[in-house]
PDB file of N, CA and C in Angstrom:
ATOM      1  N   MET A   1     128.205 121.264  99.974  1.00  0.00           N
ATOM      2  CA  MET A   1     127.167 120.300 100.269  1.00  0.00           C
ATOM      3  C   MET A   1     127.786 119.139 101.047  1.00  0.00           C
ATOM      4  N   PRO A   2     127.161 118.713 102.153  1.00  0.00           N
ATOM      5  CA  PRO A   2     127.736 117.618 102.940  1.00  0.00           C
ATOM      6  C   PRO A   2     127.624 116.292 102.198  1.00  0.00           C
ATOM      7  N   SER A   3     128.520 115.374 102.552  1.00  0.00           N
ATOM      8  CA  SER A   3     128.452 114.057 101.927  1.00  0.00           C
ATOM      9  C   SER A   3     127.247 113.297 102.471  1.00  0.00           C
ATOM     10  N   ILE A   4     126.802 112.319 101.723  1.00  0.00           N
ATOM     11  CA  ILE A   4     125.636 111.538 102.092  1.00  0.00           C
ATOM     12  C   ILE A   4     126.097 110.345 102.918  1.00  0.00           C
ATOM     13  N   THR A   5     125.472 110.126 104.060  1.00  0.00           N
ATOM     14  CA  THR A   5     125.863 108.978 104.871  1.00  0.00           C
ATOM     15  C   THR A   5     125.378 107.698 104.202  1.00  0.00           C
ATOM     16  N   SER A   6     126.184 106.679 104.293  1.00  0.00           N
ATOM     17  CA  SER A   6     125.830 105.413 103.649  1.00  0.00           C
ATOM     18  C   SER A   6     124.590 104.801 104.286  1.00  0.00           C
ATOM     19  N   ASP A   7     124.351 105.056 105.577  1.00  0.00           N
ATOM     20  CA  ASP A   7     123.161 104.520 106.234  1.00  0.00           C
ATOM     21  C   ASP A   7     121.879 105.014 105.573  1.00  0.00           C
ATOM     22  N   LEU A   8     121.898 106.228 105.096  1.00  0.00           N
ATOM     23  CA  LEU A   8     120.715 106.814 104.485  1.00  0.00           C
ATOM     24  C   LEU A   8     120.354 106.113 103.178  1.00  0.00           C
ATOM     25  N   ILE A   9     121.337 105.617 102.470  1.00  0.00           N
ATOM     26  CA  ILE A   9     121.116 105.043 101.142  1.00  0.00           C
ATOM     27  C   ILE A   9     121.191 103.516 101.140  1.00  0.00           C
ATOM     28  N   ARG A  10     121.784 102.935 102.144  1.00  0.00           N
ATOM     29  CA  ARG A  10     122.075 101.493 102.156  1.00  0.00           C
ATOM     30  C   ARG A  10     120.886 100.632 101.746  1.00  0.00           C
ATOM     31  N   GLY A  11     119.719 100.919 102.224  1.00  0.00           N
ATOM     32  CA  GLY A  11     118.545 100.115 101.919  1.00  0.00           C
ATOM     33  C   GLY A  11     118.047 100.262 100.490  1.00  0.00           C
ATOM     34  N   HIS A  12     118.666 101.144  99.731  1.00  0.00           N
ATOM     35  CA  HIS A  12     118.210 101.417  98.366  1.00  0.00           C
ATOM     36  C   HIS A  12     119.250 101.033  97.309  1.00  0.00           C
ATOM     37  N   THR A  13     120.260 100.296  97.722  1.00  0.00           N
ATOM     38  CA  THR A  13     121.321  99.886  96.804  1.00  0.00           C
ATOM     39  C   THR A  13     120.763  99.102  95.619  1.00  0.00           C
ATOM     40  N   ASP A  14     119.867  98.150  95.897  1.00  0.00           N
ATOM     41  CA  ASP A  14     119.300  97.354  94.811  1.00  0.00           C
ATOM     42  C   ASP A  14     118.557  98.240  93.818  1.00  0.00           C
ATOM     43  N   THR A  15     117.790  99.180  94.329  1.00  0.00           N
ATOM     44  CA  THR A  15     117.029 100.077  93.459  1.00  0.00           C
ATOM     45  C   THR A  15     117.964 100.905  92.583  1.00  0.00           C
ATOM     46  N   ILE A  16     119.044 101.394  93.160  1.00  0.00           N
ATOM     47  CA  ILE A  16     120.016 102.207  92.423  1.00  0.00           C
ATOM     48  C   ILE A  16     120.661 101.381  91.311  1.00  0.00           C
ATOM     49  N   ILE A  17     121.054 100.165  91.624  1.00  0.00           N
ATOM     50  CA  ILE A  17     121.679  99.290  90.626  1.00  0.00           C
ATOM     51  C   ILE A  17     120.686  98.959  89.514  1.00  0.00           C
ATOM     52  N   LEU A  18     119.473  98.569  89.889  1.00  0.00           N
ATOM     53  CA  LEU A  18     118.467  98.220  88.890  1.00  0.00           C
ATOM     54  C   LEU A  18     118.144  99.421  87.997  1.00  0.00           C
ATOM     55  N   ALA A  19     118.079 100.612  88.580  1.00  0.00           N
ATOM     56  CA  ALA A  19     117.802 101.818  87.782  1.00  0.00           C
ATOM     57  C   ALA A  19     118.884 102.004  86.723  1.00  0.00           C
ATOM     58  N   HIS A  20     120.129 101.789  87.106  1.00  0.00           N
ATOM     59  CA  HIS A  20     121.229 101.916  86.148  1.00  0.00           C
ATOM     60  C   HIS A  20     121.117 100.866  85.042  1.00  0.00           C
ATOM     61  N   LEU A  21     120.764  99.648  85.428  1.00  0.00           N
ATOM     62  CA  LEU A  21     120.694  98.566  84.452  1.00  0.00           C
ATOM     63  C   LEU A  21     119.483  98.682  83.530  1.00  0.00           C
ATOM     64  N   LEU A  22     118.511  99.500  83.888  1.00  0.00           N
ATOM     65  CA  LEU A  22     117.387  99.754  82.978  1.00  0.00           C
ATOM     66  C   LEU A  22     117.875 100.417  81.702  1.00  0.00           C
ATOM     67  N   GLU A  23     118.942 101.200  81.822  1.00  0.00           N
ATOM     68  CA  GLU A  23     119.496 101.932  80.683  1.00  0.00           C
ATOM     69  C   GLU A  23     120.303 101.033  79.753  1.00  0.00           C
ATOM     70  N   LYS A  24     121.154 100.173  80.365  1.00  0.00           N
ATOM     71  CA  LYS A  24     122.017  99.306  79.568  1.00  0.00           C
ATOM     72  C   LYS A  24     122.705  98.296  80.471  1.00  0.00           C
ATOM     73  N   ASP A  25     123.188  97.223  79.879  1.00  0.00           N
ATOM     74  CA  ASP A  25     124.008  96.263  80.619  1.00  0.00           C
ATOM     75  C   ASP A  25     125.271  96.994  81.073  1.00  0.00           C
ATOM     76  N   SER A  26     125.788  96.604  82.220  1.00  0.00           N
ATOM     77  CA  SER A  26     126.933  97.325  82.749  1.00  0.00           C
ATOM     78  C   SER A  26     127.734  96.429  83.690  1.00  0.00           C
ATOM     79  N   TYR A  27     128.896  96.908  84.106  1.00  0.00           N
ATOM     80  CA  TYR A  27     129.754  96.186  85.036  1.00  0.00           C
ATOM     81  C   TYR A  27     129.990  97.065  86.272  1.00  0.00           C
ATOM     82  N   GLY A  28     130.509  96.452  87.323  1.00  0.00           N
ATOM     83  CA  GLY A  28     130.607  97.112  88.619  1.00  0.00           C
ATOM     84  C   GLY A  28     131.265  98.472  88.616  1.00  0.00           C
ATOM     85  N   TYR A  29     132.467  98.562  88.057  1.00  0.00           N
ATOM     86  CA  TYR A  29     133.196  99.831  88.067  1.00  0.00           C
ATOM     87  C   TYR A  29     132.410 100.922  87.339  1.00  0.00           C
ATOM     88  N   GLU A  30     131.803 100.569  86.218  1.00  0.00           N
ATOM     89  CA  GLU A  30     131.039 101.545  85.438  1.00  0.00           C
ATOM     90  C   GLU A  30     129.822 102.049  86.222  1.00  0.00           C
ATOM     91  N   ILE A  31     129.148 101.152  86.934  1.00  0.00           N
ATOM     92  CA  ILE A  31     127.994 101.545  87.739  1.00  0.00           C
ATOM     93  C   ILE A  31     128.431 102.472  88.858  1.00  0.00           C
ATOM     94  N   ASN A  32     129.514 102.121  89.548  1.00  0.00           N
ATOM     95  CA  ASN A  32     129.990 102.961  90.648  1.00  0.00           C
ATOM     96  C   ASN A  32     130.443 104.330  90.138  1.00  0.00           C
ATOM     97  N   LYS A  33     131.092 104.354  88.984  1.00  0.00           N
ATOM     98  CA  LYS A  33     131.520 105.619  88.391  1.00  0.00           C
ATOM     99  C   LYS A  33     130.302 106.486  88.050  1.00  0.00           C
ATOM    100  N   ALA A  34     129.244 105.871  87.529  1.00  0.00           N
ATOM    101  CA  ALA A  34     128.019 106.603  87.193  1.00  0.00           C
ATOM    102  C   ALA A  34     127.360 107.173  88.455  1.00  0.00           C
ATOM    103  N   ILE A  35     127.392 106.412  89.550  1.00  0.00           N
ATOM    104  CA  ILE A  35     126.837 106.885  90.825  1.00  0.00           C
ATOM    105  C   ILE A  35     127.617 108.094  91.314  1.00  0.00           C
ATOM    106  N   GLN A  36     128.934 108.018  91.249  1.00  0.00           N
ATOM    107  CA  GLN A  36     129.777 109.135  91.674  1.00  0.00           C
ATOM    108  C   GLN A  36     129.505 110.376  90.825  1.00  0.00           C
ATOM    109  N   GLN A  37     129.403 110.197  89.517  1.00  0.00           N
ATOM    110  CA  GLN A  37     129.152 111.329  88.627  1.00  0.00           C
ATOM    111  C   GLN A  37     127.768 111.928  88.879  1.00  0.00           C
ATOM    112  N   CYS A  38     126.774 111.076  89.028  1.00  0.00           N
ATOM    113  CA  CYS A  38     125.401 111.528  89.239  1.00  0.00           C
ATOM    114  C   CYS A  38     125.264 112.320  90.543  1.00  0.00           C
ATOM    115  N   THR A  39     126.045 111.954  91.562  1.00  0.00           N
ATOM    116  CA  THR A  39     125.956 112.629  92.861  1.00  0.00           C
ATOM    117  C   THR A  39     127.026 113.705  93.034  1.00  0.00           C
ATOM    118  N   GLY A  40     127.723 114.013  91.968  1.00  0.00           N
ATOM    119  CA  GLY A  40     128.767 115.023  92.065  1.00  0.00           C
ATOM    120  C   GLY A  40     129.883 114.622  93.010  1.00  0.00           C
ATOM    121  N   GLY A  41     130.134 113.324  93.106  1.00  0.00           N
ATOM    122  CA  GLY A  41     131.200 112.825  93.974  1.00  0.00           C
ATOM    123  C   GLY A  41     130.822 112.710  95.436  1.00  0.00           C
ATOM    124  N   LEU A  42     129.554 112.959  95.765  1.00  0.00           N
ATOM    125  CA  LEU A  42     129.138 112.912  97.163  1.00  0.00           C
ATOM    126  C   LEU A  42     128.856 111.504  97.669  1.00  0.00           C
ATOM    127  N   TYR A  43     128.689 110.569  96.743  1.00  0.00           N
ATOM    128  CA  TYR A  43     128.378 109.204  97.170  1.00  0.00           C
ATOM    129  C   TYR A  43     128.997 108.195  96.213  1.00  0.00           C
ATOM    130  N   GLU A  44     129.491 107.126  96.781  1.00  0.00           N
ATOM    131  CA  GLU A  44     129.935 105.984  95.997  1.00  0.00           C
ATOM    132  C   GLU A  44     129.666 104.736  96.815  1.00  0.00           C
ATOM    133  N   LEU A  45     129.372 103.663  96.123  1.00  0.00           N
ATOM    134  CA  LEU A  45     129.155 102.395  96.807  1.00  0.00           C
ATOM    135  C   LEU A  45     130.500 101.751  97.099  1.00  0.00           C
ATOM    136  N   LYS A  46     130.614 101.162  98.266  1.00  0.00           N
ATOM    137  CA  LYS A  46     131.808 100.382  98.557  1.00  0.00           C
ATOM    138  C   LYS A  46     131.766  99.147  97.665  1.00  0.00           C
ATOM    139  N   GLU A  47     132.935  98.713  97.232  1.00  0.00           N
ATOM    140  CA  GLU A  47     133.014  97.570  96.318  1.00  0.00           C
ATOM    141  C   GLU A  47     132.328  96.342  96.905  1.00  0.00           C
ATOM    142  N   ALA A  48     132.546  96.086  98.186  1.00  0.00           N
ATOM    143  CA  ALA A  48     131.924  94.914  98.822  1.00  0.00           C
ATOM    144  C   ALA A  48     130.405  95.022  98.803  1.00  0.00           C
ATOM    145  N   THR A  49     129.880  96.212  99.038  1.00  0.00           N
ATOM    146  CA  THR A  49     128.429  96.437  99.013  1.00  0.00           C
ATOM    147  C   THR A  49     127.878  96.195  97.618  1.00  0.00           C
ATOM    148  N   LEU A  50     128.575  96.707  96.628  1.00  0.00           N
ATOM    149  CA  LEU A  50     128.147  96.571  95.239  1.00  0.00           C
ATOM    150  C   LEU A  50     128.088  95.101  94.821  1.00  0.00           C
ATOM    151  N   TYR A  51     129.146  94.354  95.083  1.00  0.00           N
ATOM    152  CA  TYR A  51     129.191  92.963  94.639  1.00  0.00           C
ATOM    153  C   TYR A  51     128.295  92.053  95.477  1.00  0.00           C
ATOM    154  N   THR A  52     128.064  92.399  96.730  1.00  0.00           N
ATOM    155  CA  THR A  52     127.087  91.666  97.538  1.00  0.00           C
ATOM    156  C   THR A  52     125.694  91.866  96.953  1.00  0.00           C
ATOM    157  N   ALA A  53     125.396  93.095  96.541  1.00  0.00           N
ATOM    158  CA  ALA A  53     124.097  93.379  95.915  1.00  0.00           C
ATOM    159  C   ALA A  53     123.957  92.629  94.594  1.00  0.00           C
ATOM    160  N   PHE A  54     125.025  92.593  93.794  1.00  0.00           N
ATOM    161  CA  PHE A  54     124.978  91.835  92.542  1.00  0.00           C
ATOM    162  C   PHE A  54     124.630  90.374  92.806  1.00  0.00           C
ATOM    163  N   ARG A  55     125.297  89.757  93.796  1.00  0.00           N
ATOM    164  CA  ARG A  55     125.033  88.349  94.114  1.00  0.00           C
ATOM    165  C   ARG A  55     123.581  88.158  94.554  1.00  0.00           C
ATOM    166  N   ARG A  56     123.109  89.035  95.423  1.00  0.00           N
ATOM    167  CA  ARG A  56     121.738  88.932  95.928  1.00  0.00           C
ATOM    168  C   ARG A  56     120.727  89.076  94.781  1.00  0.00           C
ATOM    169  N   LEU A  57     120.933  90.083  93.937  1.00  0.00           N
ATOM    170  CA  LEU A  57     120.013  90.313  92.819  1.00  0.00           C
ATOM    171  C   LEU A  57     120.044  89.155  91.824  1.00  0.00           C
ATOM    172  N   GLU A  58     121.220  88.580  91.610  1.00  0.00           N
ATOM    173  CA  GLU A  58     121.326  87.464  90.682  1.00  0.00           C
ATOM    174  C   GLU A  58     120.651  86.215  91.267  1.00  0.00           C
ATOM    175  N   GLN A  59     120.858  85.967  92.543  1.00  0.00           N
ATOM    176  CA  GLN A  59     120.222  84.812  93.190  1.00  0.00           C
ATOM    177  C   GLN A  59     118.700  84.935  93.170  1.00  0.00           C
ATOM    178  N   ASN A  60     118.196  86.172  93.235  1.00  0.00           N
ATOM    179  CA  ASN A  60     116.753  86.405  93.221  1.00  0.00           C
ATOM    180  C   ASN A  60     116.175  86.456  91.807  1.00  0.00           C
ATOM    181  N   GLY A  61     117.020  86.351  90.801  1.00  0.00           N
ATOM    182  CA  GLY A  61     116.556  86.354  89.424  1.00  0.00           C
ATOM    183  C   GLY A  61     116.281  87.733  88.853  1.00  0.00           C
ATOM    184  N   ALA A  62     116.710  88.785  89.559  1.00  0.00           N
ATOM    185  CA  ALA A  62     116.468  90.153  89.093  1.00  0.00           C
ATOM    186  C   ALA A  62     117.478  90.585  88.024  1.00  0.00           C
ATOM    187  N   ILE A  63     118.663  89.977  88.059  1.00  0.00           N
ATOM    188  CA  ILE A  63     119.698  90.259  87.059  1.00  0.00           C
ATOM    189  C   ILE A  63     120.358  88.952  86.643  1.00  0.00           C
ATOM    190  N   VAL A  64     121.017  89.002  85.514  1.00  0.00           N
ATOM    191  CA  VAL A  64     121.865  87.899  85.065  1.00  0.00           C
ATOM    192  C   VAL A  64     123.235  88.488  84.750  1.00  0.00           C
ATOM    193  N   SER A  65     124.253  87.661  84.804  1.00  0.00           N
ATOM    194  CA  SER A  65     125.601  88.149  84.506  1.00  0.00           C
ATOM    195  C   SER A  65     126.197  87.339  83.370  1.00  0.00           C
ATOM    196  N   TYR A  66     127.138  87.962  82.700  1.00  0.00           N
ATOM    197  CA  TYR A  66     127.864  87.286  81.620  1.00  0.00           C
ATOM    198  C   TYR A  66     129.219  87.962  81.458  1.00  0.00           C
ATOM    199  N   TRP A  67     130.148  87.238  80.860  1.00  0.00           N
ATOM    200  CA  TRP A  67     131.482  87.784  80.634  1.00  0.00           C
ATOM    201  C   TRP A  67     131.490  88.572  79.337  1.00  0.00           C
ATOM    202  N   GLY A  68     132.083  89.756  79.381  1.00  0.00           N
ATOM    203  CA  GLY A  68     132.185  90.612  78.207  1.00  0.00           C
ATOM    204  C   GLY A  68     133.266  90.130  77.257  1.00  0.00           C
ATOM    205  N   ASP A  69     133.334  90.763  76.131  1.00  0.00           N
ATOM    206  CA  ASP A  69     134.296  90.441  75.087  1.00  0.00           C
ATOM    207  C   ASP A  69     135.691  90.924  75.499  1.00  0.00           C
ATOM    208  N   GLU A  70     136.647  90.033  75.498  1.00  0.00           N
ATOM    209  CA  GLU A  70     138.015  90.373  75.905  1.00  0.00           C
ATOM    210  C   GLU A  70     138.731  91.287  74.920  1.00  0.00           C
ATOM    211  N   THR A  71     138.285  91.351  73.690  1.00  0.00           N
ATOM    212  CA  THR A  71     138.998  92.122  72.663  1.00  0.00           C
ATOM    213  C   THR A  71     138.936  93.625  72.912  1.00  0.00           C
ATOM    214  N   THR A  72     138.018  94.074  73.740  1.00  0.00           N
ATOM    215  CA  THR A  72     137.892  95.509  74.006  1.00  0.00           C
ATOM    216  C   THR A  72     138.632  95.926  75.274  1.00  0.00           C
ATOM    217  N   GLY A  73     139.514  95.093  75.762  1.00  0.00           N
ATOM    218  CA  GLY A  73     140.275  95.418  76.969  1.00  0.00           C
ATOM    219  C   GLY A  73     140.141  94.301  77.987  1.00  0.00           C
ATOM    220  N   ALA A  74     140.119  94.672  79.257  1.00  0.00           N
ATOM    221  CA  ALA A  74     140.020  93.687  80.330  1.00  0.00           C
ATOM    222  C   ALA A  74     138.692  92.935  80.238  1.00  0.00           C
ATOM    223  N   ARG A  75     138.730  91.685  80.599  1.00  0.00           N
ATOM    224  CA  ARG A  75     137.513  90.879  80.610  1.00  0.00           C
ATOM    225  C   ARG A  75     136.681  91.300  81.811  1.00  0.00           C
ATOM    226  N   ARG A  76     135.457  91.709  81.545  1.00  0.00           N
ATOM    227  CA  ARG A  76     134.580  92.207  82.609  1.00  0.00           C
ATOM    228  C   ARG A  76     133.325  91.364  82.723  1.00  0.00           C
ATOM    229  N   ARG A  77     132.830  91.279  83.925  1.00  0.00           N
ATOM    230  CA  ARG A  77     131.553  90.599  84.162  1.00  0.00           C
ATOM    231  C   ARG A  77     130.457  91.666  84.062  1.00  0.00           C
ATOM    232  N   TYR A  78     129.591  91.495  83.104  1.00  0.00           N
ATOM    233  CA  TYR A  78     128.491  92.423  82.880  1.00  0.00           C
ATOM    234  C   TYR A  78     127.225  91.901  83.542  1.00  0.00           C
ATOM    235  N   TYR A  79     126.359  92.833  83.880  1.00  0.00           N
ATOM    236  CA  TYR A  79     125.084  92.501  84.497  1.00  0.00           C
ATOM    237  C   TYR A  79     123.967  93.083  83.641  1.00  0.00           C
ATOM    238  N   ALA A  80     122.887  92.311  83.524  1.00  0.00           N
ATOM    239  CA  ALA A  80     121.725  92.731  82.740  1.00  0.00           C
ATOM    240  C   ALA A  80     120.471  92.508  83.585  1.00  0.00           C
ATOM    241  N   ILE A  81     119.539  93.418  83.489  1.00  0.00           N
ATOM    242  CA  ILE A  81     118.284  93.305  84.231  1.00  0.00           C
ATOM    243  C   ILE A  81     117.352  92.329  83.509  1.00  0.00           C
ATOM    244  N   THR A  82     116.607  91.565  84.277  1.00  0.00           N
ATOM    245  CA  THR A  82     115.634  90.620  83.726  1.00  0.00           C
ATOM    246  C   THR A  82     114.236  91.232  83.837  1.00  0.00           C
ATOM    247  N   GLU A  83     113.247  90.549  83.285  1.00  0.00           N
ATOM    248  CA  GLU A  83     111.862  91.020  83.432  1.00  0.00           C
ATOM    249  C   GLU A  83     111.471  91.048  84.905  1.00  0.00           C
ATOM    250  N   SER A  84     111.910  90.045  85.647  1.00  0.00           N
ATOM    251  CA  SER A  84     111.667  90.008  87.091  1.00  0.00           C
ATOM    252  C   SER A  84     112.334  91.205  87.774  1.00  0.00           C
ATOM    253  N   GLY A  85     113.520  91.560  87.307  1.00  0.00           N
ATOM    254  CA  GLY A  85     114.230  92.720  87.846  1.00  0.00           C
ATOM    255  C   GLY A  85     113.511  94.028  87.542  1.00  0.00           C
ATOM    256  N   ARG A  86     112.925  94.119  86.353  1.00  0.00           N
ATOM    257  CA  ARG A  86     112.137  95.317  86.006  1.00  0.00           C
ATOM    258  C   ARG A  86     110.931  95.456  86.935  1.00  0.00           C
ATOM    259  N   ALA A  87     110.273  94.341  87.212  1.00  0.00           N
ATOM    260  CA  ALA A  87     109.132  94.361  88.133  1.00  0.00           C
ATOM    261  C   ALA A  87     109.586  94.733  89.540  1.00  0.00           C
ATOM    262  N   LEU A  88     110.718  94.184  89.971  1.00  0.00           N
ATOM    263  CA  LEU A  88     111.263  94.515  91.291  1.00  0.00           C
ATOM    264  C   LEU A  88     111.614  95.995  91.362  1.00  0.00           C
ATOM    265  N   TYR A  89     112.236  96.525  90.311  1.00  0.00           N
ATOM    266  CA  TYR A  89     112.569  97.948  90.285  1.00  0.00           C
ATOM    267  C   TYR A  89     111.306  98.793  90.461  1.00  0.00           C
ATOM    268  N   THR A  90     110.254  98.474  89.738  1.00  0.00           N
ATOM    269  CA  THR A  90     109.005  99.228  89.834  1.00  0.00           C
ATOM    270  C   THR A  90     108.460  99.185  91.259  1.00  0.00           C
ATOM    271  N   GLN A  91     108.491  98.005  91.876  1.00  0.00           N
ATOM    272  CA  GLN A  91     108.018  97.859  93.252  1.00  0.00           C
ATOM    273  C   GLN A  91     108.868  98.696  94.220  1.00  0.00           C
ATOM    274  N   LEU A  92     110.192  98.570  94.103  1.00  0.00           N
ATOM    275  CA  LEU A  92     111.090  99.305  95.001  1.00  0.00           C
ATOM    276  C   LEU A  92     110.975 100.812  94.798  1.00  0.00           C
ATOM    277  N   LYS A  93     110.814 101.242  93.558  1.00  0.00           N
ATOM    278  CA  LYS A  93     110.665 102.677  93.258  1.00  0.00           C
ATOM    279  C   LYS A  93     109.365 103.209  93.851  1.00  0.00           C
ATOM    280  N   ASP A  94     108.286 102.441  93.738  1.00  0.00           N
ATOM    281  CA  ASP A  94     107.007 102.844  94.330  1.00  0.00           C
ATOM    282  C   ASP A  94     107.130 102.955  95.855  1.00  0.00           C
ATOM    283  N   GLU A  95     107.819 101.976  96.465  1.00  0.00           N
ATOM    284  CA  GLU A  95     108.030 102.018  97.918  1.00  0.00           C
ATOM    285  C   GLU A  95     108.837 103.261  98.304  1.00  0.00           C
ATOM    286  N   TRP A  96     109.875 103.593  97.519  1.00  0.00           N
ATOM    287  CA  TRP A  96     110.690 104.769  97.783  1.00  0.00           C
ATOM    288  C   TRP A  96     109.858 106.039  97.668  1.00  0.00           C
ATOM    289  N   ASP A  97     109.045 106.140  96.641  1.00  0.00           N
ATOM    290  CA  ASP A  97     108.204 107.325  96.460  1.00  0.00           C
ATOM    291  C   ASP A  97     107.266 107.519  97.646  1.00  0.00           C
ATOM    292  N   THR A  98     106.688 106.438  98.143  1.00  0.00           N
ATOM    293  CA  THR A  98     105.801 106.511  99.311  1.00  0.00           C
ATOM    294  C   THR A  98     106.595 106.910 100.552  1.00  0.00           C
ATOM    295  N   ALA A  99     107.765 106.300 100.730  1.00  0.00           N
ATOM    296  CA  ALA A  99     108.601 106.623 101.895  1.00  0.00           C
ATOM    297  C   ALA A  99     109.021 108.089 101.881  1.00  0.00           C
ATOM    298  N   LYS A 100     109.365 108.620 100.706  1.00  0.00           N
ATOM    299  CA  LYS A 100     109.746 110.042 100.609  1.00  0.00           C
ATOM    300  C   LYS A 100     108.629 110.943 101.092  1.00  0.00           C
ATOM    301  N   ILE A 101     107.410 110.658 100.673  1.00  0.00           N
ATOM    302  CA  ILE A 101     106.255 111.463 101.065  1.00  0.00           C
ATOM    303  C   ILE A 101     106.057 111.399 102.576  1.00  0.00           C
ATOM    304  N   LEU A 102     106.094 110.185 103.122  1.00  0.00           N
ATOM    305  CA  LEU A 102     105.878 110.012 104.561  1.00  0.00           C
ATOM    306  C   LEU A 102     106.978 110.677 105.382  1.00  0.00           C
ATOM    307  N   ILE A 103     108.224 110.504 104.993  1.00  0.00           N
ATOM    308  CA  ILE A 103     109.333 111.102 105.739  1.00  0.00           C
ATOM    309  C   ILE A 103     109.255 112.624 105.665  1.00  0.00           C
ATOM    310  N   ASP A 104     108.944 113.140 104.489  1.00  0.00           N
ATOM    311  CA  ASP A 104     108.770 114.589 104.345  1.00  0.00           C
ATOM    312  C   ASP A 104     107.705 115.111 105.308  1.00  0.00           C
ATOM    313  N   ARG A 105     106.592 114.423 105.369  1.00  0.00           N
ATOM    314  CA  ARG A 105     105.518 114.839 106.278  1.00  0.00           C
ATOM    315  C   ARG A 105     105.976 114.789 107.731  1.00  0.00           C
ATOM    316  N   LEU A 106     106.661 113.700 108.102  1.00  0.00           N
ATOM    317  CA  LEU A 106     107.104 113.533 109.482  1.00  0.00           C
ATOM    318  C   LEU A 106     108.152 114.561 109.881  1.00  0.00           C
ATOM    319  N   ILE A 107     109.049 114.866 108.982  1.00  0.00           N
ATOM    320  CA  ILE A 107     110.113 115.822 109.285  1.00  0.00           C
ATOM    321  C   ILE A 107     109.590 117.256 109.292  1.00  0.00           C
ATOM    322  N   ASN A 108     108.692 117.557 108.395  1.00  0.00           N
ATOM    323  CA  ASN A 108     108.236 118.930 108.227  1.00  0.00           C
ATOM    324  C   ASN A 108     106.969 119.270 109.000  1.00  0.00           C
ATOM    325  N   GLN A 109     106.387 118.337 109.725  1.00  0.00           N
ATOM    326  CA  GLN A 109     105.130 118.606 110.394  1.00  0.00           C
ATOM    327  C   GLN A 109     105.232 119.737 111.412  1.00  0.00           C
ATOM    328  N   HIS A 110     106.325 119.849 112.122  1.00  0.00           N
ATOM    329  CA  HIS A 110     106.457 120.890 113.140  1.00  0.00           C
ATOM    330  C   HIS A 110     106.912 122.215 112.577  1.00  0.00           C
ATOM    331  N   ARG A 111     107.493 122.216 111.401  1.00  0.00           N
ATOM    332  CA  ARG A 111     107.945 123.468 110.768  1.00  0.00           C
ATOM    333  C   ARG A 111     106.753 124.366 110.456  1.00  0.00           C
ATOM    334  N   GLU A 112     105.640 123.748 110.088  1.00  0.00           N
ATOM    335  CA  GLU A 112     104.464 124.532 109.740  1.00  0.00           C
ATOM    336  C   GLU A 112     103.859 125.202 110.966  1.00  0.00           C
ATOM    337  N   GLU A 113     104.095 124.630 112.151  1.00  0.00           N
ATOM    338  CA  GLU A 113     103.562 125.177 113.395  1.00  0.00           C
ATOM    339  C   GLU A 113     104.379 126.363 113.886  1.00  0.00           C
ATOM    340  N   LEU A 114     105.601 126.513 113.425  1.00  0.00           N
ATOM    341  CA  LEU A 114     106.494 127.586 113.911  1.00  0.00           C
ATOM    342  C   LEU A 114     106.123 128.935 113.385  1.00  0.00           C
TER     343      LEU A 114
END
């Protein structure tokens, strides 16, 4: 299976992060590791992209961050989704679902004519 180009996913980074945070609070490395596992190693976010998204989401009130407990190892900055972030996730997911339908139609319209 070919690797996924970052251009194809770049506009959906916030949605991917928010989807992960719906499950539990998490930190950057853990989120990126989950993305790699979920895609079978075909995709990973660049660290700069991930932390830029964290800053943007935090500034917009979609997530909050806090420092984890040092007793369990390295001190990590955790991120948690807010109610505003849950609403944003729902909006972005709905937009993605609509875009998938439209792109499918646009790409496959000529296949049916063949």
